[in-house]
C-alpha cells in the first residue's frame, strides 16, 4: 500500500494519505477530510454496492458549537471505557486513542436493508481548547484489513503550530 503527502487547504495539518482512496468533502470547514475506500457509487444516486471503509479528519476549534472539549467528545463516543493508549506528541499536543462500535443499515433507506456491524477507531489530539478527531470506520469484517492505512495516517498526522 502506497501513501502520498497531504496538506489541508487551510494549512491546518499535514499527513500521509493512502493511495487509491477517494477524497470527499463532507463539511464547509476547509480542514475537514473524508477518505473513502470501496467500489465507486452509482453516478446518479451515489449509492455504493457495499458499505464503504472511511477515514475522516475533523477540527474542533475553541468555541465550536458541538463540543466544549475533547473530553466531552470522548465521553459522547463512550471512549473512556475502550481506551487503547494516550500520551503526548511533538508540539504540545496531547492524544487519546480509543475504539467504538455501532450499527448501520445497508443499503440505506431500503426496506430490505441488512444490519451491518461497524468498528470504529478514534484518535483525538488536543492542545488548549482546540482539538482534532481522526476517525476510522469499517464493517467489522474489514476492520483489521484496512487498519494499517489509518495507523499510517494517524502516525504521520501533524497539526500546524499556531
Protein backbone atom coordinates (compact mmCIF):
# COMPACT_ATOMS: atom_id res chain seq x y z
CA UNK A 1 0.00 0.00 0.00
CA UNK A 2 1.41 3.38 -1.01
CA UNK A 3 0.88 6.76 0.60
CA UNK A 4 1.02 10.38 -0.59
CA UNK A 5 1.67 13.60 1.28
CA UNK A 6 -1.44 15.64 2.06
CA UNK A 7 -1.65 19.24 3.27
CA UNK A 8 -5.02 20.61 4.40
CA UNK A 9 -6.25 23.51 2.21
CA UNK A 10 -6.27 25.80 5.26
CA UNK A 11 -2.69 24.70 6.16
CA UNK A 12 -4.05 23.28 9.42
CA UNK A 13 -2.22 19.96 9.21
CA UNK A 14 -0.21 17.52 7.12
CA UNK A 15 -0.34 13.72 6.94
CA UNK A 16 0.22 10.75 4.66
CA UNK A 17 -2.98 9.51 2.97
CA UNK A 18 -3.40 6.04 1.44
CA UNK A 19 -3.19 5.90 -2.35
CA UNK A 20 -6.35 4.75 -4.11
CA UNK A 21 -8.76 6.12 -1.50
CA UNK A 22 -11.29 8.68 -2.75
CA UNK A 23 -11.16 12.10 -1.04
CA UNK A 24 -14.55 13.71 -0.48
CA UNK A 25 -15.73 16.94 1.13
CA UNK A 26 -18.23 16.49 3.95
CA UNK A 27 -18.11 19.89 5.62
CA UNK A 28 -17.67 23.55 4.83
CA UNK A 29 -14.64 23.54 7.15
CA UNK A 30 -11.54 23.65 4.93
CA UNK A 31 -9.66 21.37 7.33
CA UNK A 32 -12.25 18.56 7.12
CA UNK A 33 -11.26 15.49 5.09
CA UNK A 34 -13.10 12.28 4.30
CA UNK A 35 -11.28 9.38 2.64
CA UNK A 36 -13.38 6.53 1.27
CA UNK A 37 -12.27 3.08 0.12
CA UNK A 38 -14.62 0.83 -1.76
CA UNK A 39 -16.33 0.41 -5.08
CA UNK A 40 -17.46 3.63 -6.74
CA UNK A 41 -21.01 4.75 -6.20
CA UNK A 42 -23.76 4.89 -8.80
CA UNK A 43 -23.27 8.09 -10.88
CA UNK A 44 -26.89 9.16 -10.31
CA UNK A 45 -27.66 8.06 -6.74
CA UNK A 46 -24.13 7.85 -5.31
CA UNK A 47 -25.09 4.53 -3.70
CA UNK A 48 -22.18 2.11 -3.38
CA UNK A 49 -22.59 -1.65 -3.89
CA UNK A 50 -21.23 -2.32 -0.38
CA UNK A 51 -20.63 -0.34 2.81
CA UNK A 52 -17.55 1.87 2.49
CA UNK A 53 -14.49 1.96 4.72
CA UNK A 54 -13.79 5.56 5.77
CA UNK A 55 -11.19 7.73 7.45
CA UNK A 56 -12.19 11.23 8.46
CA UNK A 57 -10.37 14.22 9.93
CA UNK A 58 -12.26 16.99 11.72
CA UNK A 59 -11.02 20.08 13.54
CA UNK A 60 -12.91 21.47 16.52
CA UNK A 61 -11.62 24.99 17.24
CA UNK A 62 -12.05 26.72 20.58
CA UNK A 63 -15.65 27.86 20.98
CA UNK A 64 -17.07 25.40 18.42
CA UNK A 65 -20.83 24.77 18.87
CA UNK A 66 -20.53 20.97 19.13
CA UNK A 67 -18.15 20.07 21.95
CA UNK A 68 -16.60 22.29 24.65
CA UNK A 69 -13.59 19.98 24.96
CA UNK A 70 -12.06 16.80 23.67
CA UNK A 71 -13.10 15.11 26.94
CA UNK A 72 -16.73 15.93 26.11
CA UNK A 73 -16.31 14.42 22.63
CA UNK A 74 -14.70 11.26 24.04
CA UNK A 75 -17.47 10.90 26.62
CA UNK A 76 -20.13 11.27 23.90
CA UNK A 77 -18.48 8.42 21.97
CA UNK A 78 -18.16 6.22 25.06
CA UNK A 79 -14.38 6.23 24.64
CA UNK A 80 -13.26 6.20 28.24
CA UNK A 81 -14.20 2.52 28.55
CA UNK A 82 -12.40 1.46 25.36
CA UNK A 83 -9.16 3.40 25.56
CA UNK A 84 -6.20 1.94 23.68
CA UNK A 85 -3.49 4.46 24.57
CA UNK A 86 -2.82 8.10 25.42
CA UNK A 87 0.16 10.39 25.72
CA UNK A 88 1.80 13.43 24.14
CA UNK A 89 3.01 14.28 20.67
CA UNK A 90 5.50 16.88 19.43
CA UNK A 91 4.31 20.47 19.65
CA UNK A 92 2.45 20.01 22.92
CA UNK A 93 -0.48 18.01 21.52
CA UNK A 94 -1.98 15.50 23.98
CA UNK A 95 -3.68 12.48 22.43
CA UNK A 96 -6.06 9.68 23.30
CA UNK A 97 -6.87 6.71 21.09
CA UNK A 98 -9.94 4.55 21.62
CA UNK A 99 -12.32 2.18 19.83
CA UNK A 100 -16.06 2.03 19.47
CA UNK A 101 -18.67 0.09 17.59
CA UNK A 102 -22.01 0.70 16.01
CA UNK A 103 -24.56 -0.49 13.54
CA UNK A 104 -25.72 0.78 10.20
CA UNK A 105 -28.14 -0.46 7.60
CA UNK A 106 -27.18 -1.18 4.01
CA UNK A 107 -28.37 -0.15 1.57
CA UNK A 108 -29.57 2.94 3.45
CA UNK A 109 -33.24 3.89 3.27
CA UNK A 110 -34.18 0.47 1.90
CA UNK A 111 -36.92 -1.63 3.48
CA UNK A 112 -34.84 -4.77 2.84
CA UNK A 113 -31.61 -3.31 4.22
CA UNK A 114 -29.27 -5.58 6.18
CA UNK A 115 -27.91 -4.57 9.57
CA UNK A 116 -24.12 -4.16 9.37
CA UNK A 117 -21.83 -4.13 12.43
CA UNK A 118 -19.22 -1.37 12.35
CA UNK A 119 -15.96 -0.99 14.24
CA UNK A 120 -14.56 2.49 14.76
CA UNK A 121 -11.22 3.78 15.99
CA UNK A 122 -10.64 7.38 17.09
CA UNK A 123 -7.52 9.42 17.64
CA UNK A 124 -8.20 12.69 19.45
CA UNK A 125 -5.43 15.30 19.60
CA UNK A 126 -5.84 18.32 21.88
CA UNK A 127 -3.89 21.49 22.53
CA UNK A 128 -5.55 24.07 24.72
CA UNK A 129 -9.21 24.41 23.71
CA UNK A 130 -8.64 23.20 20.12
CA UNK A 131 -8.76 19.54 19.12
CA UNK A 132 -8.73 17.26 16.08
CA UNK A 133 -10.58 13.97 15.68
CA UNK A 134 -9.33 11.29 13.31
CA UNK A 135 -11.88 8.51 12.86
CA UNK A 136 -11.62 5.18 11.09
CA UNK A 137 -14.86 3.26 10.45
CA UNK A 138 -15.30 -0.07 8.69
CA UNK A 139 -17.64 -3.04 8.58
CA UNK A 140 -16.41 -5.38 11.32
CA UNK A 141 -15.23 -7.99 8.80
CA UNK A 142 -13.00 -5.43 7.01
CA UNK A 143 -11.71 -3.53 10.04
CA UNK A 144 -8.36 -5.26 10.55
CA UNK A 145 -7.53 -5.41 6.82
CA UNK A 146 -7.69 -1.63 6.39
CA UNK A 147 -6.48 -0.59 9.85
CA UNK A 148 -2.84 -0.14 8.67
CA UNK A 149 -3.99 2.73 6.40
CA UNK A 150 -5.48 4.55 9.40
CA UNK A 151 -2.45 3.84 11.56
CA UNK A 152 -0.09 5.36 8.97
CA UNK A 153 -2.31 8.43 8.52
CA UNK A 154 -2.66 8.93 12.28
CA UNK A 155 1.05 8.33 12.97
CA UNK A 156 2.02 10.94 10.35
CA UNK A 157 -0.70 13.48 11.28
CA UNK A 158 0.91 16.80 12.27
CA UNK A 159 -1.22 19.83 13.17
CA UNK A 160 0.36 23.13 12.18
CA UNK A 161 1.69 25.19 15.01
CA UNK A 162 -0.41 28.26 15.91
